[in-house]
C-alpha atoms as a PDB file:
ATOM      1  CA  MET A   1     101.002  89.629 150.336  1.00  0.00           C
ATOM      2  CA  ILE A   2     102.464  92.420 152.447  1.00  0.00           C
ATOM      3  CA  PRO A   3     100.333  95.588 152.455  1.00  0.00           C
ATOM      4  CA  PRO A   4     102.049  98.223 150.273  1.00  0.00           C
ATOM      5  CA  ILE A   5     102.478 100.718 153.116  1.00  0.00           C
ATOM      6  CA  ASP A   6     104.227  98.012 155.196  1.00  0.00           C
ATOM      7  CA  LEU A   7     106.546  97.280 152.262  1.00  0.00           C
ATOM      8  CA  LEU A   8     107.408 100.991 152.136  1.00  0.00           C
ATOM      9  CA  LYS A   9     108.041 100.999 155.898  1.00  0.00           C
ATOM     10  CA  GLN A  10     110.352  97.979 155.576  1.00  0.00           C
ATOM     11  CA  LEU A  11     112.431  99.755 152.937  1.00  0.00           C
ATOM     12  CA  ILE A  12     112.636 102.951 154.958  1.00  0.00           C
ATOM     13  CA  ASP A  13     113.481 101.085 158.176  1.00  0.00           C
ATOM     14  CA  TYR A  14     116.281  99.338 156.293  1.00  0.00           C
ATOM     15  CA  SER A  15     117.761 102.449 154.669  1.00  0.00           C
ATOM     16  CA  TYR A  16     117.016 105.377 156.984  1.00  0.00           C
ATOM     17  CA  PRO A  17     114.563 104.666 159.825  1.00  0.00           C
ATOM     18  CA  LEU A  18     112.210 107.489 160.733  1.00  0.00           C
ATOM     19  CA  PRO A  19     111.074 108.281 164.273  1.00  0.00           C
ATOM     20  CA  ASP A  20     107.467 107.140 164.826  1.00  0.00           C
ATOM     21  CA  LYS A  21     106.014 110.668 164.715  1.00  0.00           C
ATOM     22  CA  ASP A  22     107.738 111.363 161.370  1.00  0.00           C
ATOM     23  CA  TRP A  23     106.695 107.997 159.917  1.00  0.00           C
ATOM     24  CA  GLU A  24     103.118 108.809 160.925  1.00  0.00           C
ATOM     25  CA  ILE A  25     103.017 112.015 158.841  1.00  0.00           C
ATOM     26  CA  PHE A  26     105.168 110.562 156.035  1.00  0.00           C
ATOM     27  CA  SER A  27     102.936 107.493 155.620  1.00  0.00           C
ATOM     28  CA  LYS A  28      99.812 109.646 155.202  1.00  0.00           C
ATOM     29  CA  ILE A  29     100.952 111.281 151.935  1.00  0.00           C
ATOM     30  CA  TRP A  30     101.000 107.995 149.972  1.00  0.00           C
ATOM     31  CA  THR A  31      98.053 106.781 147.870  1.00  0.00           C
ATOM     32  CA  SER A  32      97.578 103.609 145.826  1.00  0.00           C
ATOM     33  CA  PHE A  33      97.914 103.826 142.056  1.00  0.00           C
ATOM     34  CA  SER A  34      98.093 101.254 139.276  1.00  0.00           C
ATOM     35  CA  ALA A  35      99.015 101.498 135.611  1.00  0.00           C
ATOM     36  CA  LYS A  36      98.759  99.260 132.574  1.00  0.00           C
ATOM     37  CA  ARG A  37     101.696  97.924 130.591  1.00  0.00           C
ATOM     38  CA  LYS A  38     103.468 100.508 128.360  1.00  0.00           C
ATOM     39  CA  GLU A  39     101.793 103.485 130.048  1.00  0.00           C
ATOM     40  CA  VAL A  40     103.847 106.683 130.117  1.00  0.00           C
ATOM     41  CA  LEU A  41     103.498 108.203 133.583  1.00  0.00           C
ATOM     42  CA  THR A  42     105.785 111.182 132.997  1.00  0.00           C
ATOM     43  CA  HIS A  43     106.266 112.849 129.615  1.00  0.00           C
ATOM     44  CA  VAL A  44     109.122 115.031 128.432  1.00  0.00           C
ATOM     45  CA  GLY A  45     108.250 118.659 129.105  1.00  0.00           C
ATOM     46  CA  GLU A  46     106.002 117.894 132.083  1.00  0.00           C
ATOM     47  CA  LYS A  47     106.831 118.510 135.707  1.00  0.00           C
ATOM     48  CA  GLU A  48     107.095 115.300 137.694  1.00  0.00           C
ATOM     49  CA  LYS A  49     104.021 115.382 139.906  1.00  0.00           C
ATOM     50  CA  TYR A  50     104.737 112.283 142.000  1.00  0.00           C
ATOM     51  CA  LEU A  51     107.367 110.227 143.718  1.00  0.00           C
ATOM     52  CA  TYR A  52     106.440 106.598 143.120  1.00  0.00           C
ATOM     53  CA  PHE A  53     107.115 103.641 145.375  1.00  0.00           C
ATOM     54  CA  VAL A  54     107.019 100.485 143.264  1.00  0.00           C
ATOM     55  CA  VAL A  55     104.948  97.696 144.799  1.00  0.00           C
ATOM     56  CA  ASP A  56     104.814  95.491 141.696  1.00  0.00           C
ATOM     57  CA  GLY A  57     105.888  95.639 138.061  1.00  0.00           C
ATOM     58  CA  VAL A  58     108.838  97.025 136.122  1.00  0.00           C
ATOM     59  CA  GLN A  59     109.303 100.534 134.764  1.00  0.00           C
ATOM     60  CA  ARG A  60     112.004 102.514 133.024  1.00  0.00           C
ATOM     61  CA  VAL A  61     113.187 106.098 132.721  1.00  0.00           C
ATOM     62  CA  TYR A  62     114.298 106.786 129.172  1.00  0.00           C
ATOM     63  CA  TYR A  63     115.545 109.522 126.871  1.00  0.00           C
ATOM     64  CA  PHE A  64     114.192 109.982 123.340  1.00  0.00           C
ATOM     65  CA  ASP A  65     115.185 112.730 120.925  1.00  0.00           C
ATOM     66  CA  ASP A  66     113.973 114.161 117.619  1.00  0.00           C
ATOM     67  CA  GLN A  67     116.378 111.902 115.696  1.00  0.00           C
ATOM     68  CA  ASP A  68     114.684 108.778 117.103  1.00  0.00           C
ATOM     69  CA  ARG A  69     117.596 107.976 119.407  1.00  0.00           C
ATOM     70  CA  GLU A  70     116.497 106.246 122.565  1.00  0.00           C
ATOM     71  CA  ALA A  71     118.416 105.454 125.732  1.00  0.00           C
ATOM     72  CA  THR A  72     117.058 103.491 128.674  1.00  0.00           C
ATOM     73  CA  LEU A  73     118.623 105.146 131.714  1.00  0.00           C
ATOM     74  CA  VAL A  74     117.106 103.422 134.745  1.00  0.00           C
ATOM     75  CA  PHE A  75     114.868 100.475 135.584  1.00  0.00           C
ATOM     76  CA  THR A  76     112.663 100.519 138.664  1.00  0.00           C
ATOM     77  CA  TYR A  77     110.970  97.566 140.362  1.00  0.00           C
ATOM     78  CA  SER A  78     109.794  96.533 143.804  1.00  0.00           C
ATOM     79  CA  PRO A  79     110.784  97.608 146.381  1.00  0.00           C
ATOM     80  CA  SER A  80     112.237 100.870 145.097  1.00  0.00           C
ATOM     81  CA  PHE A  81     111.325 104.448 144.353  1.00  0.00           C
ATOM     82  CA  GLY A  82     110.604 105.635 140.828  1.00  0.00           C
ATOM     83  CA  GLY A  83     109.875 108.671 138.733  1.00  0.00           C
ATOM     84  CA  VAL A  84     112.052 111.343 137.168  1.00  0.00           C
ATOM     85  CA  LEU A  85     113.813 112.524 140.311  1.00  0.00           C
ATOM     86  CA  ASP A  86     115.546 115.629 138.991  1.00  0.00           C
ATOM     87  CA  ALA A  87     112.270 116.966 137.557  1.00  0.00           C
ATOM     88  CA  LEU A  88     110.504 116.131 140.831  1.00  0.00           C
ATOM     89  CA  LEU A  89     112.936 117.829 143.178  1.00  0.00           C
ATOM     90  CA  LEU A  90     113.784 120.805 140.971  1.00  0.00           C
ATOM     91  CA  GLN A  91     110.137 121.170 139.892  1.00  0.00           C
ATOM     92  CA  GLN A  92     111.299 121.729 136.326  1.00  0.00           C
ATOM     93  CA  PRO A  93     110.004 120.140 133.122  1.00  0.00           C
ATOM     94  CA  SER A  94     111.240 116.592 132.684  1.00  0.00           C
ATOM     95  CA  ARG A  95     113.824 115.773 130.033  1.00  0.00           C
ATOM     96  CA  TYR A  96     112.900 112.096 130.267  1.00  0.00           C
ATOM     97  CA  PHE A  97     109.956 109.721 130.079  1.00  0.00           C
ATOM     98  CA  TYR A  98     108.885 107.389 132.895  1.00  0.00           C
ATOM     99  CA  GLU A  99     107.071 104.354 131.478  1.00  0.00           C
ATOM    100  CA  THR A 100     105.688 101.072 132.774  1.00  0.00           C
ATOM    101  CA  LEU A 101     107.035  97.982 131.006  1.00  0.00           C
ATOM    102  CA  THR A 102     104.602  95.665 132.782  1.00  0.00           C
ATOM    103  CA  PRO A 103     101.310  96.228 134.592  1.00  0.00           C
ATOM    104  CA  SER A 104     102.411  98.080 137.711  1.00  0.00           C
ATOM    105  CA  VAL A 105     101.184  98.848 141.207  1.00  0.00           C
ATOM    106  CA  PHE A 106     102.506 101.807 143.170  1.00  0.00           C
ATOM    107  CA  LEU A 107     102.123 103.989 146.149  1.00  0.00           C
ATOM    108  CA  ARG A 108     102.656 107.570 145.111  1.00  0.00           C
ATOM    109  CA  ALA A 109     103.155 110.829 146.961  1.00  0.00           C
ATOM    110  CA  SER A 110     102.588 114.207 145.380  1.00  0.00           C
ATOM    111  CA  ALA A 111     105.688 116.333 144.896  1.00  0.00           C
ATOM    112  CA  THR A 112     103.954 119.170 146.742  1.00  0.00           C
ATOM    113  CA  ASP A 113     103.244 117.036 149.824  1.00  0.00           C
ATOM    114  CA  LEU A 114     106.723 115.514 149.813  1.00  0.00           C
ATOM    115  CA  LEU A 115     108.522 118.839 149.485  1.00  0.00           C
ATOM    116  CA  GLU A 116     106.352 120.379 152.217  1.00  0.00           C
ATOM    117  CA  LEU A 117     107.235 117.512 154.565  1.00  0.00           C
ATOM    118  CA  THR A 118     110.954 117.960 153.911  1.00  0.00           C
ATOM    119  CA  GLU A 119     110.562 121.534 155.142  1.00  0.00           C
ATOM    120  CA  GLN A 120     108.549 120.518 158.221  1.00  0.00           C
ATOM    121  CA  SER A 121     110.594 117.513 159.357  1.00  0.00           C
ATOM    122  CA  ARG A 122     114.371 117.293 159.598  1.00  0.00           C
ATOM    123  CA  ALA A 123     114.163 113.476 159.691  1.00  0.00           C
ATOM    124  CA  ILE A 124     112.161 113.353 156.432  1.00  0.00           C
ATOM    125  CA  GLU A 125     114.547 115.834 154.822  1.00  0.00           C
ATOM    126  CA  LEU A 126     117.464 113.565 155.793  1.00  0.00           C
ATOM    127  CA  LEU A 127     115.604 110.507 154.476  1.00  0.00           C
ATOM    128  CA  VAL A 128     115.147 112.206 151.086  1.00  0.00           C
ATOM    129  CA  ARG A 129     118.782 113.326 151.092  1.00  0.00           C
ATOM    130  CA  GLN A 130     119.937 109.771 151.886  1.00  0.00           C
ATOM    131  CA  GLY A 131     117.847 108.493 148.967  1.00  0.00           C
ATOM    132  CA  LEU A 132     119.425 111.064 146.662  1.00  0.00           C
ATOM    133  CA  VAL A 133     122.929 110.137 147.794  1.00  0.00           C
ATOM    134  CA  GLN A 134     122.211 106.472 147.057  1.00  0.00           C
ATOM    135  CA  ALA A 135     120.758 107.373 143.641  1.00  0.00           C
ATOM    136  CA  LEU A 136     123.800 109.517 142.808  1.00  0.00           C
ATOM    137  CA  ALA A 137     126.162 106.726 143.859  1.00  0.00           C
ATOM    138  CA  GLY A 138     124.298 104.374 141.509  1.00  0.00           C
ATOM    139  CA  VAL A 139     124.482 106.862 138.627  1.00  0.00           C
ATOM    140  CA  LEU A 140     128.230 107.349 139.093  1.00  0.00           C
ATOM    141  CA  GLU A 141     128.802 103.596 139.220  1.00  0.00           C
ATOM    142  CA  ARG A 142     126.759 103.173 136.033  1.00  0.00           C
ATOM    143  CA  LEU A 143     128.721 105.928 134.240  1.00  0.00           C
ATOM    144  CA  ALA A 144     131.985 104.200 135.111  1.00  0.00           C
ATOM    145  CA  GLU A 145     130.614 100.893 133.801  1.00  0.00           C
ATOM    146  CA  LEU A 146     129.408 102.457 130.545  1.00  0.00           C
ATOM    147  CA  GLN A 147     132.722 104.150 129.886  1.00  0.00           C
ATOM    148  CA  CYS A 148     135.173 101.505 131.083  1.00  0.00           C
ATOM    149  CA  TYR A 149     133.632  98.037 130.867  1.00  0.00           C
ATOM    150  CA  SER A 150     133.350  95.670 127.919  1.00  0.00           C
ATOM    151  CA  SER A 151     129.885  94.501 126.871  1.00  0.00           C
ATOM    152  CA  GLU A 152     130.362  91.244 128.740  1.00  0.00           C
ATOM    153  CA  GLU A 153     131.556  93.024 131.896  1.00  0.00           C
ATOM    154  CA  LYS A 154     128.536  95.365 131.806  1.00  0.00           C
ATOM    155  CA  PHE A 155     126.223  92.385 131.380  1.00  0.00           C
ATOM    156  CA  ARG A 156     127.820  90.460 134.258  1.00  0.00           C
ATOM    157  CA  LYS A 157     127.682  93.516 136.520  1.00  0.00           C
ATOM    158  CA  LEU A 158     123.977  93.991 135.734  1.00  0.00           C
ATOM    159  CA  LEU A 159     123.241  90.344 136.586  1.00  0.00           C
ATOM    160  CA  GLN A 160     125.270  90.659 139.775  1.00  0.00           C
ATOM    161  CA  ARG A 161     123.261  93.719 140.828  1.00  0.00           C
ATOM    162  CA  SER A 162     119.852  92.454 139.646  1.00  0.00           C
ATOM    163  CA  PRO A 163     119.910  88.679 139.026  1.00  0.00           C
ATOM    164  CA  HIS A 164     116.150  88.540 138.335  1.00  0.00           C
ATOM    165  CA  ILE A 165     116.208  91.201 135.620  1.00  0.00           C
ATOM    166  CA  LEU A 166     116.472  88.829 132.627  1.00  0.00           C
ATOM    167  CA  GLN A 167     113.092  87.336 133.529  1.00  0.00           C
ATOM    168  CA  ARG A 168     111.388  90.668 134.217  1.00  0.00           C
ATOM    169  CA  VAL A 169     112.581  93.093 131.521  1.00  0.00           C
ATOM    170  CA  PRO A 170     112.285  92.559 127.754  1.00  0.00           C
ATOM    171  CA  HIS A 171     115.749  91.938 126.335  1.00  0.00           C
ATOM    172  CA  LYS A 172     115.563  94.818 123.846  1.00  0.00           C
ATOM    173  CA  TYR A 173     115.403  97.256 126.789  1.00  0.00           C
ATOM    174  CA  LEU A 174     118.271  95.529 128.585  1.00  0.00           C
ATOM    175  CA  ALA A 175     120.389  95.731 125.430  1.00  0.00           C
ATOM    176  CA  ASN A 176     119.566  99.427 125.106  1.00  0.00           C
ATOM    177  CA  TYR A 177     120.344 100.032 128.795  1.00  0.00           C
ATOM    178  CA  LEU A 178     123.755  98.404 128.382  1.00  0.00           C
ATOM    179  CA  GLY A 179     124.461 100.137 125.068  1.00  0.00           C
ATOM    180  CA  ILE A 180     124.696  96.804 123.253  1.00  0.00           C
ATOM    181  CA  ASP A 181     123.225  95.891 119.864  1.00  0.00           C
ATOM    182  CA  PRO A 182     120.251  93.504 120.419  1.00  0.00           C
ATOM    183  CA  THR A 183     121.873  90.797 118.259  1.00  0.00           C
ATOM    184  CA  ASN A 184     125.077  90.965 120.275  1.00  0.00           C
ATOM    185  CA  PHE A 185     123.010  90.927 123.467  1.00  0.00           C
ATOM    186  CA  SER A 186     121.416  87.619 122.398  1.00  0.00           C
ATOM    187  CA  LYS A 187     124.877  86.185 121.736  1.00  0.00           C
ATOM    188  CA  LEU A 188     126.012  87.428 125.134  1.00  0.00           C
ATOM    189  CA  ILE A 189     123.130  85.665 126.896  1.00  0.00           C
ATOM    190  CA  ASN A 190     124.127  82.401 125.216  1.00  0.00           C
ATOM    191  CA  LYS A 191     127.826  82.939 125.986  1.00  0.00           C
ATOM    192  CA  VAL A 192     127.677  83.953 129.645  1.00  0.00           C
ATOM    193  CA  LYS A 193     126.836  81.240 132.156  1.00  0.00           C
ATOM    194  CA  ILE A 194     123.970  82.492 134.271  1.00  0.00           C
END
């Protein structure tokens, strides 16, 4: 198994390589952390204290209101970053939950350390900005899918983007993520050739 910090370096080298001196200081802010299945890491109303790098497991960011309406907004899994990003970067109370769906292993960096590094290093600031641009692009693509695509098109697009997701995420969460009734989701799985 690849050491978690090397997995993080691989992802960063692929997306926005850092000069060695910046990687050296960036790599020092990460610590190992693990969580059990169905553990809420960030609660509504709390500030997001950490940026997570997912080493293993599956998590979700979700919305839940006082009328028991729930919406799964994002799934995270290795190798990707996780947490409630707007709450982290704005340092405002979260409007969403961040929860593990499976036992999970992370590296995590405190928001304080991360934000300090973005002020000290132009390269790290640009790395964070690049990550935000990619996240925003994904959100805009997802909004277009939700508003314009049929249930089957949304399902196919999800499988195209994340072919392994059916084996890793309970189907009730996938149905919720796609905005599809769980019964119709089961029919869709049987209908669409995977």
